[in-house]
């Protein structure tokens, strides 16, 4: 399986210059990939393009030679750094999670999610607690490729390791693709088989 971005270019309507220019990337599911870049360099924007959150870009993104769907469930899922920004504040957590899929009790336990949290609204949970839900939402059985954009930033060091180990186990068991975006070079170097530096592929 391959997630491929060809000649990806993007600029905001308010900007004269490109943020991303003529980027070509290829990710397979037989390696764990890392993406590294400075703050504001366009890492998150590239992730949103690769997962179909941003569609007004130049170039093309395919998963196994197929364009990403515009309406149905996207097989490329993105875990945001700030989960509160992508959760409906009027929904309780049980609805937010089940909107994606019905997670079994064993997996809820593995990710440290307490039953009492299910009845709460997003604003009643901490950032780290919300991120656990965000990760599980993205691990829908239909997900083929997972992009984690600074997903462990909201977690303490011990929880970071626990969550990443659980995610990596699922990724390998399901033979999913995985791209880890992080400022933590020690983390990226430890986990990833191949590291891509955005400055080396961005032709701005």
Protein backbone atom coordinates (compact mmCIF):
# COMPACT_ATOMS: atom_id res chain seq x y z
CA UNK A 1 0.00 0.00 0.00
CA UNK A 2 1.27 3.46 -0.88
CA UNK A 3 0.17 6.98 -0.02
CA UNK A 4 1.59 9.28 -2.69
CA UNK A 5 1.59 13.04 -3.00
CA UNK A 6 2.69 14.40 -6.39
CA UNK A 7 3.71 17.98 -7.09
CA UNK A 8 1.93 19.31 -4.00
CA UNK A 9 1.85 23.10 -3.83
CA UNK A 10 -0.18 25.32 -1.53
CA UNK A 11 -0.49 28.95 -0.57
CA UNK A 12 -3.00 30.81 1.55
CA UNK A 13 -5.24 33.28 -0.28
CA UNK A 14 -3.85 36.06 1.91
CA UNK A 15 -0.26 35.24 0.99
CA UNK A 16 1.70 36.05 -2.16
CA UNK A 17 4.19 33.24 -1.72
CA UNK A 18 3.80 29.49 -1.51
CA UNK A 19 3.99 27.70 1.83
CA UNK A 20 4.53 24.36 0.05
CA UNK A 21 5.93 24.06 -3.45
CA UNK A 22 6.30 21.03 -5.74
CA UNK A 23 6.47 18.47 -2.93
CA UNK A 24 6.67 14.80 -3.86
CA UNK A 25 6.28 12.16 -1.15
CA UNK A 26 5.70 8.43 -1.11
CA UNK A 27 4.81 6.48 2.02
CA UNK A 28 4.36 2.72 2.21
CA UNK A 29 2.91 0.55 4.97
CA UNK A 30 6.08 -1.49 5.46
CA UNK A 31 7.89 1.32 7.30
CA UNK A 32 7.19 3.84 10.04
CA UNK A 33 7.86 7.30 8.62
CA UNK A 34 8.74 10.51 10.42
CA UNK A 35 8.29 14.08 9.21
CA UNK A 36 10.39 16.83 10.78
CA UNK A 37 10.39 20.58 10.22
CA UNK A 38 10.51 23.95 11.92
CA UNK A 39 7.41 25.54 13.41
CA UNK A 40 5.42 27.29 10.70
CA UNK A 41 7.20 25.44 7.91
CA UNK A 42 4.01 23.78 6.65
CA UNK A 43 4.10 20.33 8.25
CA UNK A 44 0.53 20.47 9.53
CA UNK A 45 -0.71 21.89 6.22
CA UNK A 46 0.92 19.03 4.33
CA UNK A 47 -0.69 16.55 6.74
CA UNK A 48 -4.11 18.11 6.12
CA UNK A 49 -3.59 17.84 2.36
CA UNK A 50 -2.52 14.20 2.59
CA UNK A 51 -5.63 13.38 4.66
CA UNK A 52 -8.09 15.38 2.51
CA UNK A 53 -8.86 18.07 5.10
CA UNK A 54 -7.49 20.66 2.67
CA UNK A 55 -8.60 20.27 -0.94
CA UNK A 56 -7.73 23.61 -2.56
CA UNK A 57 -4.14 22.68 -3.39
CA UNK A 58 -2.16 22.05 -6.54
CA UNK A 59 -1.04 18.50 -7.28
CA UNK A 60 -2.54 15.13 -6.49
CA UNK A 61 -2.81 12.70 -3.57
CA UNK A 62 -3.59 9.01 -4.05
CA UNK A 63 -3.82 5.93 -1.85
CA UNK A 64 -3.06 2.79 -3.86
CA UNK A 65 -3.59 4.78 -7.08
CA UNK A 66 -7.06 5.96 -5.97
CA UNK A 67 -7.99 9.55 -5.21
CA UNK A 68 -9.15 10.15 -1.64
CA UNK A 69 -12.97 10.20 -1.30
CA UNK A 70 -14.70 13.56 -1.00
CA UNK A 71 -17.75 12.48 1.00
CA UNK A 72 -17.33 8.98 2.38
CA UNK A 73 -14.99 7.93 5.19
CA UNK A 74 -11.42 8.86 4.33
CA UNK A 75 -9.00 5.92 4.69
CA UNK A 76 -6.23 8.39 5.57
CA UNK A 77 -6.90 9.65 9.09
CA UNK A 78 -5.22 12.60 10.79
CA UNK A 79 -4.70 12.93 14.54
CA UNK A 80 -4.41 16.63 15.38
CA UNK A 81 -2.12 18.14 17.99
CA UNK A 82 -5.11 19.96 19.55
CA UNK A 83 -8.05 17.53 19.71
CA UNK A 84 -10.45 20.10 21.18
CA UNK A 85 -10.46 21.93 17.84
CA UNK A 86 -12.01 19.01 15.98
CA UNK A 87 -14.64 17.89 18.51
CA UNK A 88 -18.21 19.17 18.71
CA UNK A 89 -18.48 20.91 22.12
CA UNK A 90 -22.22 20.15 22.20
CA UNK A 91 -21.72 16.38 21.97
CA UNK A 92 -20.86 14.05 24.82
CA UNK A 93 -17.76 11.93 24.38
CA UNK A 94 -19.70 8.72 23.76
CA UNK A 95 -21.32 10.31 20.70
CA UNK A 96 -18.02 11.81 19.50
CA UNK A 97 -16.35 8.40 19.65
CA UNK A 98 -19.22 6.33 18.28
CA UNK A 99 -19.58 8.74 15.33
CA UNK A 100 -16.43 7.09 14.02
CA UNK A 101 -16.88 3.50 15.23
CA UNK A 102 -17.90 1.32 18.17
CA UNK A 103 -14.75 0.71 20.20
CA UNK A 104 -14.67 -2.42 22.36
CA UNK A 105 -14.03 -2.32 26.10
CA UNK A 106 -10.55 -3.86 25.85
CA UNK A 107 -9.33 -1.10 23.57
CA UNK A 108 -10.91 1.60 25.72
CA UNK A 109 -9.08 0.14 28.69
CA UNK A 110 -5.79 -0.08 26.80
CA UNK A 111 -6.00 3.64 26.00
CA UNK A 112 -6.88 4.48 29.59
CA UNK A 113 -10.36 5.78 28.87
CA UNK A 114 -12.66 5.66 31.89
CA UNK A 115 -16.36 4.88 31.49
CA UNK A 116 -17.28 8.04 33.40
CA UNK A 117 -15.62 10.15 30.69
CA UNK A 118 -18.16 8.96 28.14
CA UNK A 119 -20.90 11.09 29.74
CA UNK A 120 -18.84 14.26 29.72
CA UNK A 121 -18.52 17.05 27.18
CA UNK A 122 -15.10 17.82 25.60
CA UNK A 123 -14.61 20.92 27.75
CA UNK A 124 -14.93 18.76 30.86
CA UNK A 125 -11.85 16.71 29.99
CA UNK A 126 -8.15 17.58 29.91
CA UNK A 127 -6.20 17.85 26.68
CA UNK A 128 -4.51 14.53 27.32
CA UNK A 129 -7.83 12.80 27.97
CA UNK A 130 -9.29 14.25 24.79
CA UNK A 131 -6.28 13.10 22.80
CA UNK A 132 -6.94 9.49 23.79
CA UNK A 133 -10.40 9.79 22.23
CA UNK A 134 -8.94 11.48 19.18
CA UNK A 135 -6.48 8.64 18.64
CA UNK A 136 -9.18 5.99 19.00
CA UNK A 137 -11.50 7.84 16.61
CA UNK A 138 -8.77 7.74 13.99
CA UNK A 139 -8.21 4.01 14.45
CA UNK A 140 -11.48 3.15 12.73
CA UNK A 141 -11.23 -0.35 11.15
CA UNK A 142 -11.54 1.30 7.71
CA UNK A 143 -8.42 3.41 8.28
CA UNK A 144 -5.57 2.39 5.97
CA UNK A 145 -3.07 5.14 6.77
CA UNK A 146 -2.60 7.11 9.99
CA UNK A 147 -0.97 10.53 10.25
CA UNK A 148 -0.10 11.71 13.77
CA UNK A 149 0.62 15.44 13.89
CA UNK A 150 2.37 16.03 17.24
CA UNK A 151 -0.22 13.69 18.77
CA UNK A 152 1.69 13.11 22.03
CA UNK A 153 2.35 16.79 22.84
CA UNK A 154 -0.68 16.91 25.16
CA UNK A 155 0.47 13.83 27.11
CA UNK A 156 2.95 13.32 29.93
CA UNK A 157 6.10 11.30 29.19
CA UNK A 158 4.83 7.98 30.58
CA UNK A 159 1.48 8.25 28.81
CA UNK A 160 3.25 9.19 25.56
CA UNK A 161 5.08 5.87 25.59
CA UNK A 162 1.95 3.89 26.48
CA UNK A 163 -0.20 5.47 23.77
CA UNK A 164 2.47 5.21 21.10
CA UNK A 165 3.13 1.56 21.90
CA UNK A 166 -0.57 0.79 21.62
CA UNK A 167 -0.91 2.71 18.35
CA UNK A 168 2.16 1.08 16.81
CA UNK A 169 0.89 -2.38 17.77
CA UNK A 170 -2.43 -1.72 16.02
CA UNK A 171 -0.66 -0.20 13.00
CA UNK A 172 1.51 -3.28 12.60
CA UNK A 173 -1.28 -5.77 13.28
CA UNK A 174 -3.53 -4.13 10.68
CA UNK A 175 -0.63 -3.43 8.28
CA UNK A 176 -1.55 0.25 8.23
CA UNK A 177 0.71 3.04 7.07
CA UNK A 178 1.95 5.47 9.73
CA UNK A 179 3.47 8.94 9.54
CA UNK A 180 4.65 10.56 12.76
CA UNK A 181 5.11 14.33 12.79
CA UNK A 182 7.07 15.60 15.77
CA UNK A 183 9.60 18.14 17.00
CA UNK A 184 11.02 15.48 19.30
CA UNK A 185 14.01 14.14 17.37
CA UNK A 186 14.75 11.51 20.01
CA UNK A 187 11.21 10.18 19.63
CA UNK A 188 11.31 10.24 15.84
CA UNK A 189 14.73 8.59 15.72
CA UNK A 190 13.62 5.85 18.11
CA UNK A 191 10.32 4.98 16.43
CA UNK A 192 10.74 5.74 12.73
CA UNK A 193 12.43 3.66 10.05
CA UNK A 194 12.71 6.59 7.65
CA UNK A 195 12.84 10.33 8.46
CA UNK A 196 11.86 13.06 6.01
CA UNK A 197 12.96 16.64 6.56
CA UNK A 198 10.44 19.07 5.09
CA UNK A 199 13.11 21.59 4.12
CA UNK A 200 14.69 18.95 1.88
CA UNK A 201 11.53 18.32 -0.16
CA UNK A 202 9.89 21.78 -0.10
CA UNK A 203 10.94 23.90 -3.07
CA UNK A 204 9.82 27.31 -1.80
